[in-house]
Every structure is written in C-alpha cells, then in structure tokens.
N, C-alpha and C. Protein backbone atom coordinates (compact mmCIF):
# COMPACT_ATOMS: atom_id res chain seq x y z
N MET A 1 8.49 -18.95 12.21
CA MET A 1 9.27 -18.64 11.56
C MET A 1 10.43 -18.10 12.34
N ILE A 2 11.78 -18.52 12.35
CA ILE A 2 12.69 -18.19 13.66
C ILE A 2 13.52 -17.56 12.29
N ARG A 3 14.01 -15.97 13.44
CA ARG A 3 14.65 -15.05 12.76
C ARG A 3 15.96 -14.81 13.96
N LYS A 4 17.18 -14.81 13.05
CA LYS A 4 18.39 -14.04 14.22
C LYS A 4 18.00 -12.90 14.42
N SER A 5 18.34 -12.61 15.74
CA SER A 5 18.47 -11.28 16.29
C SER A 5 19.52 -10.41 15.81
N ALA A 6 18.84 -9.22 15.54
CA ALA A 6 19.92 -8.13 14.98
C ALA A 6 20.61 -7.57 16.02
N ARG A 7 20.63 -7.73 17.37
CA ARG A 7 21.21 -7.19 18.27
C ARG A 7 22.51 -7.51 18.62
N TYR A 8 23.49 -6.90 19.00
CA TYR A 8 25.01 -7.35 19.20
C TYR A 8 25.23 -6.92 21.03
N ASP A 9 25.90 -7.96 21.48
CA ASP A 9 26.08 -7.59 22.92
C ASP A 9 27.62 -6.64 22.93
N ALA A 10 27.62 -6.03 23.99
CA ALA A 10 28.99 -5.63 24.16
C ALA A 10 30.15 -6.25 24.35
N GLY A 11 31.25 -5.90 23.42
CA GLY A 11 32.23 -6.84 23.52
C GLY A 11 32.29 -7.70 22.57
N SER A 12 31.11 -8.00 21.57
CA SER A 12 31.06 -8.89 20.38
C SER A 12 32.49 -8.62 19.50
N GLY A 13 32.98 -7.28 19.24
CA GLY A 13 33.73 -7.03 18.60
C GLY A 13 35.18 -7.86 18.96
N LEU A 14 35.64 -7.83 20.04
CA LEU A 14 36.45 -8.54 20.43
C LEU A 14 35.96 -10.24 20.34
N LEU A 15 34.84 -10.75 20.56
CA LEU A 15 34.62 -11.94 20.23
C LEU A 15 35.15 -12.24 19.19
N SER A 16 34.73 -11.35 18.19
CA SER A 16 34.97 -11.71 16.81
C SER A 16 36.47 -11.77 16.26
N PHE A 17 36.98 -10.65 16.94
CA PHE A 17 38.47 -10.73 16.89
C PHE A 17 38.99 -11.96 17.38
N ALA A 18 38.65 -12.62 18.54
CA ALA A 18 39.45 -13.65 19.02
C ALA A 18 38.93 -14.94 18.08
N VAL A 19 37.81 -14.70 17.75
CA VAL A 19 37.51 -16.07 16.50
C VAL A 19 38.19 -16.03 15.51
N ALA A 20 38.55 -14.76 14.73
CA ALA A 20 39.25 -14.50 13.49
C ALA A 20 40.68 -15.04 13.87
N ALA A 21 41.34 -14.60 15.26
CA ALA A 21 42.46 -15.01 15.60
C ALA A 21 42.75 -16.46 15.63
N VAL A 22 42.05 -17.23 16.22
CA VAL A 22 41.91 -18.55 16.35
C VAL A 22 42.21 -19.47 14.88
N LEU A 23 40.92 -18.64 14.25
CA LEU A 23 40.90 -19.29 12.67
C LEU A 23 42.14 -19.07 12.10
N LEU A 24 42.48 -18.05 11.98
CA LEU A 24 43.70 -17.73 11.39
C LEU A 24 44.97 -18.49 11.66
N PHE A 25 45.27 -18.64 13.34
CA PHE A 25 46.12 -19.37 13.87
C PHE A 25 46.11 -20.85 13.24
N GLY A 26 44.97 -21.64 13.20
CA GLY A 26 45.04 -22.73 12.81
C GLY A 26 45.25 -22.65 11.17
N PHE A 27 44.75 -21.96 10.35
CA PHE A 27 45.10 -22.12 9.14
C PHE A 27 46.56 -21.81 8.99
N LEU A 28 47.15 -21.22 9.70
CA LEU A 28 48.86 -21.11 9.42
C LEU A 28 49.22 -22.25 9.84
N LEU A 29 49.09 -22.79 11.00
CA LEU A 29 49.35 -23.93 11.33
C LEU A 29 49.27 -25.08 10.55
N TYR A 30 48.19 -25.36 9.93
CA TYR A 30 47.74 -26.20 8.99
C TYR A 30 48.52 -25.99 7.44
N SER A 31 48.98 -25.03 7.44
CA SER A 31 49.83 -24.52 6.28
C SER A 31 51.07 -24.92 6.21
N SER A 32 51.54 -24.22 7.73
CA SER A 32 53.11 -24.64 7.69
C SER A 32 53.34 -26.17 7.69
N SER A 33 52.26 -27.00 8.35
CA SER A 33 52.47 -28.41 8.50
C SER A 33 52.58 -29.15 7.12
N ALA A 34 51.63 -28.44 6.17
CA ALA A 34 51.67 -29.00 4.44
C ALA A 34 52.82 -28.61 4.00
N ILE A 35 53.23 -27.30 4.29
CA ILE A 35 54.68 -27.01 3.71
C ILE A 35 55.77 -27.85 4.03
N ALA A 36 55.86 -28.31 5.10
CA ALA A 36 56.67 -29.08 5.76
C ALA A 36 56.68 -30.62 5.11
N GLN A 37 55.36 -31.01 4.95
CA GLN A 37 55.44 -32.32 4.43
C GLN A 37 55.72 -32.46 2.73
N VAL A 38 55.64 -31.56 1.88
CA VAL A 38 56.37 -31.03 0.76
C VAL A 38 57.49 -31.14 0.70
N ALA A 39 58.40 -30.12 1.98
CA ALA A 39 59.63 -30.21 1.80
C ALA A 39 60.26 -31.46 2.02
N VAL A 40 59.67 -32.46 3.03
CA VAL A 40 60.26 -33.63 3.07
C VAL A 40 59.93 -34.57 1.72
N CYS A 41 58.73 -34.64 1.27
CA CYS A 41 58.65 -35.56 0.34
C CYS A 41 59.30 -35.19 -1.12
N SER A 42 59.52 -33.89 -1.09
CA SER A 42 60.84 -33.53 -2.04
C SER A 42 61.93 -33.52 -2.16
N ARG A 43 62.62 -34.43 -1.08
CA ARG A 43 63.98 -34.62 -0.70
C ARG A 43 64.20 -35.31 -1.78
N THR A 44 65.80 -35.44 -2.47
CA THR A 44 66.27 -36.27 -3.45
C THR A 44 66.32 -38.03 -3.01
N ARG A 45 65.77 -38.60 -4.03
CA ARG A 45 65.43 -39.98 -3.58
C ARG A 45 67.02 -40.57 -3.78
N THR A 46 67.40 -41.53 -3.04
CA THR A 46 68.51 -41.95 -3.33
C THR A 46 68.15 -43.88 -4.00
N VAL A 47 66.73 -44.00 -3.86
CA VAL A 47 66.40 -45.04 -4.59
C VAL A 47 66.40 -45.32 -6.14
N THR A 48 66.66 -46.48 -6.48
CA THR A 48 66.46 -46.77 -7.73
C THR A 48 65.32 -46.58 -8.54
N PRO A 49 64.92 -45.84 -9.32
CA PRO A 49 63.83 -45.74 -9.81
C PRO A 49 63.00 -47.08 -10.52
N VAL A 50 61.82 -47.12 -10.33
CA VAL A 50 60.70 -48.32 -10.84
C VAL A 50 60.78 -48.16 -12.39
N LYS A 51 61.72 -49.15 -13.07
CA LYS A 51 60.97 -48.86 -14.73
C LYS A 51 59.32 -49.39 -14.86
N VAL A 52 58.95 -48.74 -15.44
CA VAL A 52 57.40 -48.83 -15.90
C VAL A 52 57.14 -48.23 -17.33
N ALA A 53 56.41 -49.53 -17.92
CA ALA A 53 55.74 -49.10 -19.21
C ALA A 53 54.32 -48.71 -19.29
N LEU A 54 54.05 -47.48 -19.87
CA LEU A 54 52.60 -47.08 -20.04
C LEU A 54 51.92 -47.21 -21.63
N GLN A 55 51.29 -48.41 -21.99
CA GLN A 55 50.65 -48.28 -23.04
C GLN A 55 50.01 -47.68 -23.74
N LEU A 56 50.26 -46.60 -24.56
CA LEU A 56 49.18 -45.77 -24.87
C LEU A 56 47.91 -46.39 -25.97
N LYS A 57 46.96 -45.94 -26.19
CA LYS A 57 46.00 -46.38 -26.55
C LYS A 57 46.01 -46.09 -28.31
N TRP A 58 46.47 -44.99 -28.72
CA TRP A 58 47.06 -44.75 -29.98
C TRP A 58 48.32 -44.12 -29.99
N ARG A 59 48.74 -43.76 -31.16
CA ARG A 59 49.77 -43.06 -31.64
C ARG A 59 50.12 -42.01 -30.60
N HIS A 60 51.36 -41.54 -30.60
CA HIS A 60 51.52 -40.11 -29.80
C HIS A 60 50.80 -39.10 -30.55
N GLN A 61 50.05 -38.14 -29.37
CA GLN A 61 49.21 -37.33 -29.78
C GLN A 61 49.01 -36.22 -28.58
N PHE A 62 48.08 -35.25 -28.92
CA PHE A 62 47.70 -33.99 -27.86
C PHE A 62 46.83 -34.93 -26.87
N GLN A 63 46.21 -36.27 -26.92
CA GLN A 63 45.22 -36.72 -26.07
C GLN A 63 46.01 -37.18 -24.75
N PHE A 64 47.26 -37.32 -25.28
CA PHE A 64 48.13 -37.73 -23.94
C PHE A 64 49.35 -36.87 -23.43
N ALA A 65 48.59 -35.74 -23.77
CA ALA A 65 49.53 -34.74 -23.26
C ALA A 65 49.76 -34.35 -21.55
N GLY A 66 49.13 -34.87 -20.70
CA GLY A 66 49.32 -34.99 -19.35
C GLY A 66 50.68 -35.96 -19.35
N TYR A 67 50.34 -36.88 -19.84
CA TYR A 67 51.43 -38.01 -19.59
C TYR A 67 52.86 -37.41 -20.01
N TYR A 68 52.64 -36.82 -21.34
CA TYR A 68 53.91 -35.74 -21.62
C TYR A 68 54.60 -34.97 -20.59
N ALA A 69 53.32 -34.26 -19.86
CA ALA A 69 53.94 -33.31 -19.28
C ALA A 69 54.45 -33.66 -17.94
N ALA A 70 54.01 -34.63 -17.45
CA ALA A 70 54.52 -35.29 -16.10
C ALA A 70 55.75 -35.86 -16.19
N LEU A 71 55.82 -36.34 -17.87
CA LEU A 71 57.34 -36.97 -17.98
C LEU A 71 58.35 -35.81 -18.16
N ALA A 72 57.70 -34.66 -19.03
CA ALA A 72 58.87 -33.68 -18.75
C ALA A 72 59.15 -32.57 -17.72
N LYS A 73 58.33 -32.73 -16.75
CA LYS A 73 58.69 -32.03 -15.46
C LYS A 73 59.08 -32.88 -14.50
N GLY A 74 59.21 -33.95 -14.58
CA GLY A 74 59.96 -34.83 -13.61
C GLY A 74 58.98 -35.43 -12.52
N TYR A 75 57.52 -35.57 -12.86
CA TYR A 75 56.72 -35.95 -11.59
C TYR A 75 57.15 -37.54 -11.52
N TYR A 76 57.18 -38.00 -12.35
CA TYR A 76 57.79 -39.79 -12.36
C TYR A 76 58.81 -39.86 -11.83
N ARG A 77 59.89 -38.98 -12.19
CA ARG A 77 61.22 -39.52 -11.68
C ARG A 77 61.01 -38.94 -9.97
N ASP A 78 60.55 -37.99 -10.02
CA ASP A 78 60.10 -37.62 -8.12
C ASP A 78 59.50 -38.52 -7.37
N ALA A 79 58.58 -39.54 -8.40
CA ALA A 79 57.90 -40.44 -7.25
C ALA A 79 58.62 -41.84 -7.44
N GLY A 80 60.05 -41.78 -8.10
CA GLY A 80 60.59 -42.94 -8.24
C GLY A 80 60.34 -43.86 -9.16
N LEU A 81 59.94 -43.13 -10.54
CA LEU A 81 59.48 -43.88 -11.29
C LEU A 81 60.27 -43.86 -12.60
N GLU A 82 60.55 -44.54 -13.65
CA GLU A 82 61.13 -44.27 -14.83
C GLU A 82 60.02 -44.62 -15.77
N VAL A 83 59.27 -43.97 -16.47
CA VAL A 83 58.21 -44.33 -17.34
C VAL A 83 58.65 -44.01 -18.76
N SER A 84 58.14 -45.07 -19.53
CA SER A 84 58.39 -45.18 -21.02
C SER A 84 56.84 -45.36 -21.45
N LEU A 85 56.64 -44.40 -22.24
CA LEU A 85 55.60 -44.12 -23.20
C LEU A 85 55.28 -45.21 -24.59
N LEU A 86 54.67 -46.06 -24.45
CA LEU A 86 54.75 -46.85 -25.69
C LEU A 86 53.71 -46.67 -26.78
N GLU A 87 54.06 -46.69 -28.01
CA GLU A 87 52.85 -46.45 -29.09
C GLU A 87 52.53 -47.79 -29.31
N PRO A 88 51.08 -47.97 -29.80
CA PRO A 88 50.72 -49.54 -30.09
C PRO A 88 51.68 -49.79 -31.02
N GLY A 89 51.37 -50.98 -31.52
CA GLY A 89 51.50 -52.02 -32.90
C GLY A 89 50.45 -51.60 -33.92
N ASP A 90 50.56 -52.55 -34.91
CA ASP A 90 49.58 -52.25 -35.99
C ASP A 90 48.44 -52.66 -35.68
N VAL A 91 47.84 -53.42 -34.53
CA VAL A 91 46.38 -53.32 -34.19
C VAL A 91 46.71 -52.73 -32.62
N PRO A 92 46.25 -51.85 -32.31
CA PRO A 92 46.06 -51.61 -30.84
C PRO A 92 45.23 -52.24 -30.11
N ASP A 93 45.98 -52.76 -29.29
CA ASP A 93 45.30 -53.80 -27.92
C ASP A 93 45.88 -53.73 -26.73
N PRO A 94 45.48 -52.56 -25.93
CA PRO A 94 46.16 -52.26 -24.45
C PRO A 94 46.11 -53.37 -23.86
N VAL A 95 44.81 -53.92 -23.75
CA VAL A 95 44.49 -54.90 -22.57
C VAL A 95 45.22 -56.16 -22.82
N HIS A 96 45.68 -56.61 -24.20
CA HIS A 96 46.45 -57.87 -24.48
C HIS A 96 47.60 -57.53 -24.04
N ASP A 97 48.24 -56.03 -24.56
CA ASP A 97 49.62 -55.98 -24.20
C ASP A 97 49.99 -55.86 -23.00
N VAL A 98 49.01 -55.61 -21.70
CA VAL A 98 49.45 -55.72 -20.48
C VAL A 98 49.25 -57.24 -20.19
N MET A 99 48.27 -57.64 -20.40
CA MET A 99 48.21 -59.45 -19.93
C MET A 99 49.08 -60.12 -20.55
N GLY A 100 49.89 -59.61 -21.74
CA GLY A 100 50.87 -60.57 -22.34
C GLY A 100 52.15 -59.97 -22.08
N GLY A 101 52.31 -59.12 -21.01
CA GLY A 101 53.72 -58.61 -20.37
C GLY A 101 54.57 -57.51 -20.90
N HIS A 102 53.93 -56.89 -22.09
CA HIS A 102 54.57 -55.97 -23.11
C HIS A 102 54.52 -54.88 -22.36
N ALA A 103 53.86 -54.45 -21.52
CA ALA A 103 53.47 -53.13 -20.47
C ALA A 103 53.18 -53.12 -19.29
N ASP A 104 53.48 -52.27 -18.65
CA ASP A 104 52.87 -52.73 -17.04
C ASP A 104 51.23 -52.00 -16.96
N PHE A 105 51.15 -50.83 -17.23
CA PHE A 105 50.09 -50.35 -17.43
C PHE A 105 49.20 -49.80 -19.02
N ALA A 106 48.05 -49.74 -19.09
CA ALA A 106 47.62 -49.11 -20.45
C ALA A 106 46.50 -48.16 -20.22
N VAL A 107 46.68 -47.25 -21.16
CA VAL A 107 45.62 -46.39 -21.86
C VAL A 107 44.24 -47.11 -22.09
N THR A 108 42.84 -47.29 -22.24
CA THR A 108 42.01 -48.00 -22.81
C THR A 108 40.77 -47.65 -22.24
N GLY A 109 39.90 -48.51 -23.00
CA GLY A 109 38.23 -47.71 -23.01
C GLY A 109 37.57 -49.22 -22.30
N PRO A 110 36.46 -49.14 -22.74
CA PRO A 110 35.44 -49.94 -22.10
C PRO A 110 35.92 -51.53 -22.54
N ASP A 111 36.74 -51.71 -23.35
CA ASP A 111 37.39 -53.16 -23.76
C ASP A 111 37.74 -53.92 -22.23
N LEU A 112 38.51 -53.01 -21.52
CA LEU A 112 38.55 -53.26 -20.12
C LEU A 112 37.64 -53.83 -19.22
N LEU A 113 36.56 -53.78 -19.29
CA LEU A 113 35.19 -54.40 -18.80
C LEU A 113 34.95 -55.40 -19.15
N LEU A 114 35.22 -55.57 -20.44
CA LEU A 114 34.82 -56.87 -21.34
C LEU A 114 35.78 -57.77 -21.03
N ALA A 115 37.19 -57.46 -20.57
CA ALA A 115 38.20 -58.62 -20.51
C ALA A 115 37.64 -59.08 -18.95
N ARG A 116 37.71 -58.08 -17.90
CA ARG A 116 37.53 -58.54 -17.13
C ARG A 116 36.19 -59.63 -16.75
N ALA A 117 35.01 -59.31 -17.66
CA ALA A 117 33.74 -59.97 -17.46
C ALA A 117 34.35 -61.26 -17.65
N GLN A 118 35.20 -61.58 -18.76
CA GLN A 118 35.35 -63.21 -19.44
C GLN A 118 36.67 -63.52 -18.60
N GLY A 119 37.09 -62.92 -17.12
CA GLY A 119 37.87 -63.53 -16.07
C GLY A 119 39.13 -63.11 -16.52
N HIS A 120 39.47 -62.29 -17.26
CA HIS A 120 40.92 -61.78 -17.27
C HIS A 120 41.26 -60.89 -16.25
N PRO A 121 42.46 -61.20 -15.67
CA PRO A 121 42.91 -60.57 -14.35
C PRO A 121 43.38 -59.25 -14.48
N VAL A 122 42.52 -58.31 -14.85
CA VAL A 122 42.95 -56.86 -15.17
C VAL A 122 42.02 -56.18 -14.24
N VAL A 123 42.56 -54.90 -14.20
CA VAL A 123 41.97 -53.67 -12.90
C VAL A 123 41.84 -52.45 -13.44
N ALA A 124 40.81 -51.72 -13.27
CA ALA A 124 41.04 -50.32 -13.68
C ALA A 124 41.67 -49.31 -12.50
N LEU A 125 42.88 -49.00 -12.58
CA LEU A 125 43.33 -48.14 -11.86
C LEU A 125 42.65 -46.42 -11.74
N ALA A 126 42.17 -46.05 -12.88
CA ALA A 126 41.54 -44.72 -12.69
C ALA A 126 40.83 -44.54 -14.15
N VAL A 127 39.59 -43.77 -14.09
CA VAL A 127 38.87 -43.67 -14.89
C VAL A 127 38.51 -41.94 -15.45
N ILE A 128 39.86 -41.73 -16.90
CA ILE A 128 39.78 -40.28 -17.00
C ILE A 128 38.56 -40.02 -17.51
N PHE A 129 37.67 -40.51 -18.08
CA PHE A 129 36.43 -40.36 -18.85
C PHE A 129 35.27 -40.96 -17.95
N GLN A 130 34.42 -40.01 -17.63
CA GLN A 130 33.34 -40.57 -16.50
C GLN A 130 32.25 -41.16 -17.51
N HIS A 131 32.47 -40.65 -18.92
CA HIS A 131 31.71 -41.29 -19.56
C HIS A 131 32.02 -41.68 -21.11
N SER A 132 31.89 -42.68 -21.61
CA SER A 132 32.66 -43.26 -22.72
C SER A 132 32.26 -42.10 -24.08
N PRO A 133 33.34 -42.25 -24.58
CA PRO A 133 33.13 -41.01 -26.01
C PRO A 133 32.61 -41.77 -27.27
N GLU A 134 32.56 -43.19 -26.91
CA GLU A 134 32.06 -43.94 -28.04
C GLU A 134 30.63 -43.89 -28.53
N VAL A 135 30.30 -44.28 -29.66
CA VAL A 135 28.91 -43.94 -30.09
C VAL A 135 28.44 -45.08 -30.64
N LEU A 136 27.33 -45.58 -31.10
CA LEU A 136 26.64 -46.16 -31.69
C LEU A 136 25.99 -45.90 -32.90
N LEU A 137 26.28 -46.02 -34.43
CA LEU A 137 25.58 -45.15 -35.52
C LEU A 137 24.74 -46.18 -36.05
N ALA A 138 23.64 -45.68 -36.51
CA ALA A 138 22.48 -46.17 -37.18
C ALA A 138 22.30 -45.64 -38.54
N ARG A 139 21.81 -46.14 -39.58
CA ARG A 139 21.46 -45.60 -40.55
C ARG A 139 19.85 -44.95 -40.09
N LYS A 140 19.80 -43.75 -40.59
CA LYS A 140 18.14 -43.18 -40.48
C LYS A 140 16.98 -43.91 -40.86
N ASP A 141 17.10 -44.58 -42.06
CA ASP A 141 16.03 -45.57 -42.54
C ASP A 141 15.87 -46.74 -41.81
N SER A 142 16.73 -47.03 -40.75
CA SER A 142 16.92 -48.45 -39.95
C SER A 142 15.61 -48.48 -39.04
N GLY A 143 15.27 -47.51 -38.57
CA GLY A 143 14.03 -47.28 -37.44
C GLY A 143 14.60 -47.62 -36.19
N ILE A 144 16.05 -47.56 -35.92
CA ILE A 144 16.73 -47.94 -34.69
C ILE A 144 16.70 -46.14 -34.02
N THR A 145 16.08 -46.43 -33.25
CA THR A 145 16.12 -44.78 -32.38
C THR A 145 16.26 -44.74 -31.06
N SER A 146 16.77 -45.80 -30.38
CA SER A 146 17.12 -46.40 -29.01
C SER A 146 17.92 -47.29 -28.90
N LEU A 147 18.76 -47.74 -27.93
CA LEU A 147 19.31 -49.08 -27.50
C LEU A 147 18.49 -49.97 -27.57
N HIS A 148 17.10 -49.84 -27.05
CA HIS A 148 15.89 -51.24 -27.10
C HIS A 148 16.04 -51.86 -28.64
N ASP A 149 16.01 -50.80 -29.43
CA ASP A 149 15.71 -51.40 -31.03
C ASP A 149 16.67 -51.99 -31.33
N LEU A 150 17.83 -52.40 -30.56
CA LEU A 150 18.97 -53.02 -31.12
C LEU A 150 18.88 -54.60 -30.85
N VAL A 151 17.92 -54.95 -29.80
CA VAL A 151 17.59 -56.18 -29.25
C VAL A 151 17.22 -57.34 -30.45
N GLY A 152 17.96 -58.28 -30.65
CA GLY A 152 17.99 -59.38 -31.77
C GLY A 152 18.42 -58.88 -33.07
N ARG A 153 19.16 -57.63 -32.81
CA ARG A 153 19.80 -57.38 -34.11
C ARG A 153 21.30 -57.59 -33.95
N ARG A 154 22.26 -57.81 -34.73
CA ARG A 154 23.67 -58.06 -34.92
C ARG A 154 24.30 -56.87 -34.89
N VAL A 155 25.41 -56.50 -34.32
CA VAL A 155 25.79 -55.06 -33.76
C VAL A 155 27.36 -55.12 -34.27
N MET A 156 27.91 -54.16 -35.19
CA MET A 156 29.42 -54.44 -35.35
C MET A 156 30.10 -53.76 -34.03
N ALA A 157 31.09 -54.09 -33.80
CA ALA A 157 31.87 -53.59 -32.58
C ALA A 157 33.53 -53.73 -33.10
N GLY A 158 33.99 -52.83 -32.13
CA GLY A 158 35.65 -53.22 -32.35
C GLY A 158 36.13 -54.74 -31.85
N ALA A 159 37.30 -55.37 -32.67
CA ALA A 159 37.20 -56.74 -32.40
C ALA A 159 38.96 -57.13 -31.32
N THR A 160 39.03 -56.25 -30.65
CA THR A 160 40.06 -56.20 -29.85
C THR A 160 40.02 -57.32 -28.60
N LEU A 161 39.05 -57.94 -28.48
CA LEU A 161 38.92 -59.00 -27.73
C LEU A 161 38.98 -60.31 -28.13
N SER A 162 38.94 -60.36 -29.74
CA SER A 162 38.48 -61.57 -30.27
C SER A 162 39.86 -62.55 -30.41
N ARG A 163 41.21 -61.74 -30.27
CA ARG A 163 42.26 -62.67 -30.04
C ARG A 163 42.35 -63.26 -28.82
N ASN A 164 43.06 -64.55 -28.98
CA ASN A 164 43.34 -65.18 -27.41
C ASN A 164 44.72 -65.56 -26.97
C-alpha cells in the first residue's frame, strides 16, 4: 500500500500560496475573456433577422414553455431569428409539414425515425427526451408481457406516416 507522507517541508505555505495565486489568476483571465466574448456577441445586430417557422406537435400548451420563454426574452431575436410558433392543423403531422415547406423546423417524436428510414430527407437536430414517453398498452388477459410477445401480432399505431 502506498501512502502519502504527512510531513511538510519548510516553505510549503509559500508554495501553496503561489499555486493558489496562479490558479486564481488563470480563473480571472478565463472569466474576463468569457465576459468579453459575451459583450462582443451581445452587440446590437444590424442584420435583417431570418424568418423561421417552428411547427409544434400539439396546440399551444405548457409543453412548449421553453420556446415561448425564449421568444418573450428575445433570445431568438438576439440570435438573428424571427421565430413563429405554429399550431398544427386538424391532423397533427409535423414531419410532413416540414417536408411540405409549411414549416422550417418541427417538434416531433419517433415518427421522424420512420420518415428517415423511408428515405425522406429529414434530420433530427436535437433530442429533447432521451427516451420516448410513448407506451404500448395490452389487455391483461392478452398474455402479452414483453415486446417479444408482439411478434406475429397486429399492432395499432399512429397513422402520421400513412399519407403520401
């Protein structure tokens, strides 16, 4: 077993002070450069904002609070964007809304993966949920206790990709 010596040499207090001073100086130097970057980046832009339409997955509700807050606080404007938050029509289908040119971006779910697998030119930019909150339900008397029990059975799922 290796053990660190508990003995301190003379002058170790000065060495500790010097190390702490160098670390503090480095931190202050880093902080001042970060503050300078923020100051430079937050200058008023003279560029015309880019208009962007974000298709929501559902009607306006708390689920999209982050988008509303960013809009209200001017984060999009500061980034040079003029963002419109769009509610879906009668049949919510964010993937097809983007592919059809009705929106530039969309909030959607796993149906994006299906669209990509079918060869549609769509890309996921961010994953808000790390795991899908969607579930499969089966009656207790069906004998289905795992996904493996679904092999060879019909499964009802959303029809968002059934349109062409």
